[in-house]
Amino acid sequence: EVHLMESGGDLVQPGGSLRLSCAASGFNFRKSWLSWVRQAPGQGLEWVASSGAYGRRMYADSVKGRFTISRDNAKNTVSLQMNTLKPEDTAIYYCYYKHHAEYRGQGTQVTVSS
């Protein structure tokens, strides 16, 4: 059974930083693409970043240069380092995995506000 659990969300001031983590289990983590997606209040899901099996990384234009996705294949974790946060980054952040079906964790709230 696929299981994803996010952590690290918090209230932070504009310009601040946060690091989100996702613990994964139930699938071949090492060979899988893992992503972060987010949902702002009243909005749909927005793709943020993805990490591939061979070091490939992809970012949405809205976060490129500010966010960094990384993974630890020994610990089955994927992280999102978020720097220079903006109020528009406020959202629930989900770890996302797709293989036949789509999977997300329960999410972690990030609020950027002064």
N, C-alpha and C. Protein backbone atom coordinates (compact mmCIF):
# COMPACT_ATOMS: atom_id res chain seq x y z
N GLU A 1 0.84 -1.19 0.00
CA GLU A 1 0.00 0.00 0.00
C GLU A 1 0.88 1.24 0.00
N VAL A 2 0.59 2.15 -0.92
CA VAL A 2 1.34 3.40 -1.00
C VAL A 2 0.96 4.30 0.16
N HIS A 3 1.98 4.86 0.78
CA HIS A 3 1.75 5.78 1.90
C HIS A 3 2.71 6.95 1.76
N LEU A 4 2.15 8.17 1.84
CA LEU A 4 2.93 9.40 1.76
C LEU A 4 2.57 10.27 2.94
N MET A 5 3.56 10.82 3.62
CA MET A 5 3.29 11.66 4.77
C MET A 5 4.18 12.88 4.75
N GLU A 6 3.55 14.04 4.64
CA GLU A 6 4.27 15.30 4.58
C GLU A 6 4.43 15.91 5.97
N SER A 7 5.45 16.74 6.11
CA SER A 7 5.67 17.48 7.34
C SER A 7 6.48 18.74 7.03
N GLY A 8 6.48 19.67 7.98
CA GLY A 8 7.34 20.85 7.85
C GLY A 8 6.62 22.15 7.57
N GLY A 9 5.33 22.10 7.31
CA GLY A 9 4.60 23.33 7.05
C GLY A 9 4.54 24.23 8.28
N ASP A 10 4.41 25.53 8.02
CA ASP A 10 4.40 26.48 9.14
C ASP A 10 3.96 27.85 8.64
N LEU A 11 3.83 28.79 9.55
CA LEU A 11 3.61 30.20 9.24
C LEU A 11 4.97 30.87 9.14
N VAL A 12 5.21 31.57 8.05
CA VAL A 12 6.51 32.21 7.84
C VAL A 12 6.29 33.58 7.20
N GLN A 13 7.18 34.50 7.49
CA GLN A 13 7.08 35.84 6.92
C GLN A 13 7.55 35.84 5.47
N PRO A 14 7.08 36.78 4.68
CA PRO A 14 7.58 36.92 3.30
C PRO A 14 9.09 37.07 3.30
N GLY A 15 9.72 36.37 2.36
CA GLY A 15 11.18 36.36 2.29
C GLY A 15 11.83 35.25 3.10
N GLY A 16 11.04 34.57 3.91
CA GLY A 16 11.57 33.51 4.75
C GLY A 16 11.72 32.20 4.02
N SER A 17 12.13 31.18 4.77
CA SER A 17 12.40 29.86 4.20
C SER A 17 11.70 28.77 5.03
N LEU A 18 11.39 27.67 4.35
CA LEU A 18 10.86 26.48 5.00
C LEU A 18 11.39 25.27 4.25
N ARG A 19 11.45 24.15 4.97
CA ARG A 19 11.82 22.90 4.34
C ARG A 19 10.73 21.88 4.62
N LEU A 20 10.11 21.38 3.57
CA LEU A 20 9.09 20.35 3.69
C LEU A 20 9.72 18.99 3.45
N SER A 21 9.19 17.98 4.11
CA SER A 21 9.66 16.61 3.91
C SER A 21 8.48 15.68 3.67
N CYS A 22 8.75 14.63 2.94
CA CYS A 22 7.73 13.61 2.66
C CYS A 22 8.36 12.24 2.85
N ALA A 23 7.77 11.46 3.72
CA ALA A 23 8.20 10.08 3.92
C ALA A 23 7.30 9.16 3.10
N ALA A 24 7.91 8.31 2.30
CA ALA A 24 7.15 7.47 1.38
C ALA A 24 7.39 5.99 1.66
N SER A 25 6.39 5.19 1.37
CA SER A 25 6.52 3.74 1.50
C SER A 25 5.52 3.05 0.61
N GLY A 26 5.77 1.76 0.35
CA GLY A 26 4.80 0.96 -0.39
C GLY A 26 5.04 0.86 -1.89
N PHE A 27 6.14 1.40 -2.38
CA PHE A 27 6.46 1.30 -3.80
C PHE A 27 7.97 1.42 -3.98
N ASN A 28 8.43 1.22 -5.22
CA ASN A 28 9.85 1.27 -5.50
C ASN A 28 10.30 2.72 -5.58
N PHE A 29 10.63 3.28 -4.45
CA PHE A 29 10.94 4.70 -4.36
C PHE A 29 12.11 5.08 -5.27
N ARG A 30 13.14 4.27 -5.24
CA ARG A 30 14.39 4.59 -5.95
C ARG A 30 14.17 4.80 -7.45
N LYS A 31 13.21 4.11 -8.01
CA LYS A 31 13.00 4.16 -9.47
C LYS A 31 11.84 5.06 -9.87
N SER A 32 11.29 5.77 -8.91
CA SER A 32 10.05 6.52 -9.15
C SER A 32 10.24 8.03 -9.21
N TRP A 33 9.39 8.65 -10.00
CA TRP A 33 9.26 10.11 -9.96
C TRP A 33 8.40 10.48 -8.76
N LEU A 34 8.86 11.46 -8.00
CA LEU A 34 8.10 12.01 -6.88
C LEU A 34 7.92 13.50 -7.12
N SER A 35 6.77 14.02 -6.75
CA SER A 35 6.48 15.43 -7.00
C SER A 35 5.92 16.10 -5.75
N TRP A 36 5.98 17.41 -5.80
CA TRP A 36 5.24 18.26 -4.85
C TRP A 36 4.20 19.04 -5.66
N VAL A 37 2.99 19.05 -5.13
CA VAL A 37 1.92 19.86 -5.70
C VAL A 37 1.34 20.68 -4.56
N ARG A 38 0.60 21.73 -4.89
CA ARG A 38 0.02 22.57 -3.85
C ARG A 38 -1.37 23.03 -4.25
N GLN A 39 -2.13 23.38 -3.23
CA GLN A 39 -3.47 23.87 -3.46
C GLN A 39 -3.69 25.10 -2.60
N ALA A 40 -3.81 26.24 -3.25
CA ALA A 40 -4.08 27.49 -2.55
C ALA A 40 -5.57 27.58 -2.26
N PRO A 41 -5.96 28.41 -1.29
CA PRO A 41 -7.38 28.54 -0.94
C PRO A 41 -8.23 28.89 -2.16
N GLY A 42 -9.24 28.10 -2.41
CA GLY A 42 -10.15 28.37 -3.52
C GLY A 42 -9.62 28.05 -4.89
N GLN A 43 -8.44 27.41 -4.95
CA GLN A 43 -7.81 27.11 -6.23
C GLN A 43 -7.70 25.59 -6.43
N GLY A 44 -7.36 25.21 -7.66
CA GLY A 44 -7.11 23.80 -7.94
C GLY A 44 -5.68 23.42 -7.61
N LEU A 45 -5.37 22.16 -7.83
CA LEU A 45 -4.02 21.69 -7.58
C LEU A 45 -3.04 22.29 -8.59
N GLU A 46 -1.88 22.68 -8.10
CA GLU A 46 -0.83 23.25 -8.95
C GLU A 46 0.44 22.43 -8.77
N TRP A 47 1.00 21.97 -9.86
CA TRP A 47 2.27 21.26 -9.81
C TRP A 47 3.38 22.24 -9.43
N VAL A 48 4.29 21.80 -8.54
CA VAL A 48 5.37 22.66 -8.06
C VAL A 48 6.73 22.18 -8.55
N ALA A 49 7.03 20.90 -8.30
CA ALA A 49 8.36 20.38 -8.64
C ALA A 49 8.32 18.86 -8.68
N SER A 50 9.26 18.27 -9.44
CA SER A 50 9.35 16.82 -9.53
C SER A 50 10.81 16.39 -9.48
N SER A 51 11.01 15.20 -8.92
CA SER A 51 12.34 14.60 -8.84
C SER A 51 12.30 13.23 -9.48
N GLY A 52 13.17 13.00 -10.47
CA GLY A 52 13.20 11.73 -11.18
C GLY A 52 14.20 10.76 -10.59
N ALA A 53 14.19 9.56 -11.13
CA ALA A 53 15.00 8.48 -10.59
C ALA A 53 16.49 8.69 -10.81
N TYR A 54 16.90 9.43 -11.80
CA TYR A 54 18.32 9.58 -12.14
C TYR A 54 18.79 11.02 -11.97
N GLY A 55 18.25 11.68 -10.96
CA GLY A 55 18.71 13.03 -10.64
C GLY A 55 18.02 14.14 -11.39
N ARG A 56 17.09 13.80 -12.25
CA ARG A 56 16.38 14.86 -12.97
C ARG A 56 15.48 15.63 -12.03
N ARG A 57 15.43 16.94 -12.23
CA ARG A 57 14.56 17.80 -11.44
C ARG A 57 13.84 18.75 -12.38
N MET A 58 12.59 19.01 -12.06
CA MET A 58 11.79 19.93 -12.86
C MET A 58 11.04 20.84 -11.92
N TYR A 59 10.86 22.10 -12.35
CA TYR A 59 10.21 23.10 -11.51
C TYR A 59 9.17 23.89 -12.30
N ALA A 60 8.12 24.28 -11.62
CA ALA A 60 7.19 25.23 -12.19
C ALA A 60 7.89 26.59 -12.28
N ASP A 61 7.53 27.36 -13.29
CA ASP A 61 8.15 28.68 -13.47
C ASP A 61 7.97 29.55 -12.23
N SER A 62 6.85 29.40 -11.55
CA SER A 62 6.54 30.25 -10.41
C SER A 62 7.47 30.04 -9.22
N VAL A 63 8.19 28.90 -9.19
CA VAL A 63 9.07 28.61 -8.05
C VAL A 63 10.52 28.43 -8.47
N LYS A 64 10.79 28.44 -9.76
CA LYS A 64 12.14 28.20 -10.26
C LYS A 64 13.11 29.25 -9.69
N GLY A 65 14.24 28.77 -9.18
CA GLY A 65 15.21 29.66 -8.57
C GLY A 65 14.98 29.93 -7.10
N ARG A 66 13.82 29.55 -6.58
CA ARG A 66 13.52 29.75 -5.16
C ARG A 66 13.36 28.43 -4.41
N PHE A 67 12.83 27.43 -5.09
CA PHE A 67 12.58 26.13 -4.46
C PHE A 67 13.55 25.10 -5.01
N THR A 68 13.93 24.15 -4.16
CA THR A 68 14.78 23.04 -4.56
C THR A 68 14.21 21.73 -4.05
N ILE A 69 14.00 20.80 -4.97
CA ILE A 69 13.53 19.48 -4.59
C ILE A 69 14.73 18.55 -4.48
N SER A 70 14.71 17.69 -3.48
CA SER A 70 15.79 16.73 -3.31
C SER A 70 15.21 15.43 -2.75
N ARG A 71 16.01 14.36 -2.83
CA ARG A 71 15.51 13.08 -2.35
C ARG A 71 16.63 12.30 -1.69
N ASP A 72 16.25 11.44 -0.78
CA ASP A 72 17.18 10.53 -0.13
C ASP A 72 16.66 9.12 -0.37
N ASN A 73 17.27 8.42 -1.31
CA ASN A 73 16.77 7.09 -1.67
C ASN A 73 17.01 6.06 -0.57
N ALA A 74 17.96 6.32 0.30
CA ALA A 74 18.21 5.40 1.41
C ALA A 74 17.11 5.50 2.47
N LYS A 75 16.52 6.68 2.59
CA LYS A 75 15.49 6.91 3.62
C LYS A 75 14.09 7.00 3.04
N ASN A 76 13.97 6.89 1.71
CA ASN A 76 12.66 7.02 1.05
C ASN A 76 11.99 8.34 1.41
N THR A 77 12.74 9.41 1.32
CA THR A 77 12.17 10.71 1.59
C THR A 77 12.45 11.66 0.43
N VAL A 78 11.54 12.58 0.23
CA VAL A 78 11.72 13.65 -0.75
C VAL A 78 11.43 14.96 -0.03
N SER A 79 12.25 15.97 -0.28
CA SER A 79 12.14 17.23 0.43
C SER A 79 11.96 18.38 -0.54
N LEU A 80 11.46 19.47 -0.02
CA LEU A 80 11.30 20.70 -0.80
C LEU A 80 11.83 21.84 0.04
N GLN A 81 12.96 22.38 -0.36
CA GLN A 81 13.52 23.57 0.29
C GLN A 81 12.93 24.79 -0.39
N MET A 82 12.27 25.62 0.39
CA MET A 82 11.58 26.77 -0.16
C MET A 82 12.22 28.03 0.41
N ASN A 83 12.79 28.85 -0.45
CA ASN A 83 13.43 30.09 -0.05
C ASN A 83 12.70 31.28 -0.66
N THR A 84 12.96 32.43 -0.11
CA THR A 84 12.36 33.68 -0.61
C THR A 84 10.85 33.50 -0.81
N LEU A 85 10.19 33.03 0.22
CA LEU A 85 8.77 32.74 0.13
C LEU A 85 7.95 34.01 -0.05
N LYS A 86 6.88 33.86 -0.82
CA LYS A 86 5.98 34.97 -1.13
C LYS A 86 4.58 34.63 -0.62
N PRO A 87 3.76 35.65 -0.37
CA PRO A 87 2.39 35.37 0.07
C PRO A 87 1.65 34.43 -0.89
N GLU A 88 1.94 34.52 -2.16
CA GLU A 88 1.26 33.66 -3.14
C GLU A 88 1.71 32.21 -3.07
N ASP A 89 2.70 31.90 -2.25
CA ASP A 89 3.10 30.51 -2.02
C ASP A 89 2.23 29.86 -0.95
N THR A 90 1.37 30.64 -0.32
CA THR A 90 0.48 30.09 0.70
C THR A 90 -0.42 29.02 0.10
N ALA A 91 -0.37 27.83 0.68
CA ALA A 91 -1.14 26.70 0.15
C ALA A 91 -0.94 25.49 1.05
N ILE A 92 -1.75 24.49 0.79
CA ILE A 92 -1.47 23.16 1.34
C ILE A 92 -0.56 22.46 0.34
N TYR A 93 0.54 21.94 0.83
CA TYR A 93 1.53 21.27 -0.03
C TYR A 93 1.41 19.76 0.15
N TYR A 94 1.36 19.07 -0.98
CA TYR A 94 1.20 17.62 -0.97
C TYR A 94 2.37 16.96 -1.68
N CYS A 95 2.78 15.84 -1.15
CA CYS A 95 3.68 14.94 -1.84
C CYS A 95 2.83 14.10 -2.79
N TYR A 96 3.30 13.89 -4.01
CA TYR A 96 2.48 13.27 -5.06
C TYR A 96 3.25 12.18 -5.78
N TYR A 97 2.56 11.07 -5.99
CA TYR A 97 3.14 9.94 -6.72
C TYR A 97 2.06 9.35 -7.61
N LYS A 98 2.47 9.01 -8.83
CA LYS A 98 1.50 8.42 -9.77
C LYS A 98 2.07 7.15 -10.37
N HIS A 99 1.32 6.08 -10.26
CA HIS A 99 1.65 4.81 -10.92
C HIS A 99 0.36 4.05 -11.06
N HIS A 100 -0.23 4.12 -12.23
CA HIS A 100 -1.58 3.61 -12.50
C HIS A 100 -2.59 4.51 -11.78
N ALA A 101 -2.49 4.63 -10.50
CA ALA A 101 -3.35 5.53 -9.73
C ALA A 101 -2.53 6.71 -9.22
N GLU A 102 -3.24 7.71 -8.72
CA GLU A 102 -2.58 8.89 -8.16
C GLU A 102 -2.66 8.84 -6.64
N TYR A 103 -1.56 9.25 -6.00
CA TYR A 103 -1.49 9.21 -4.55
C TYR A 103 -0.98 10.54 -4.01
N ARG A 104 -1.58 10.96 -2.90
CA ARG A 104 -1.13 12.15 -2.18
C ARG A 104 -1.18 11.85 -0.69
N GLY A 105 -0.39 12.59 0.07
CA GLY A 105 -0.50 12.50 1.52
C GLY A 105 -1.61 13.38 2.02
N GLN A 106 -1.61 13.63 3.32
CA GLN A 106 -2.66 14.46 3.91
C GLN A 106 -2.37 15.95 3.74
N GLY A 107 -1.13 16.27 3.34
CA GLY A 107 -0.76 17.66 3.10
C GLY A 107 -0.20 18.35 4.33
N THR A 108 0.53 19.44 4.07
CA THR A 108 1.06 20.26 5.16
C THR A 108 0.86 21.72 4.77
N GLN A 109 0.36 22.50 5.73
CA GLN A 109 -0.03 23.88 5.45
C GLN A 109 1.18 24.81 5.51
N VAL A 110 1.34 25.59 4.46
CA VAL A 110 2.35 26.64 4.42
C VAL A 110 1.61 27.98 4.29
N THR A 111 1.86 28.87 5.23
CA THR A 111 1.25 30.19 5.21
C THR A 111 2.35 31.24 5.22
N VAL A 112 2.34 32.09 4.21
CA VAL A 112 3.35 33.15 4.11
C VAL A 112 2.63 34.48 4.33
N SER A 113 2.91 35.08 5.47
CA SER A 113 2.21 36.30 5.84
C SER A 113 3.00 37.07 6.88
N SER A 114 2.88 38.39 6.82
CA SER A 114 3.54 39.21 7.83
C SER A 114 2.57 39.52 8.97
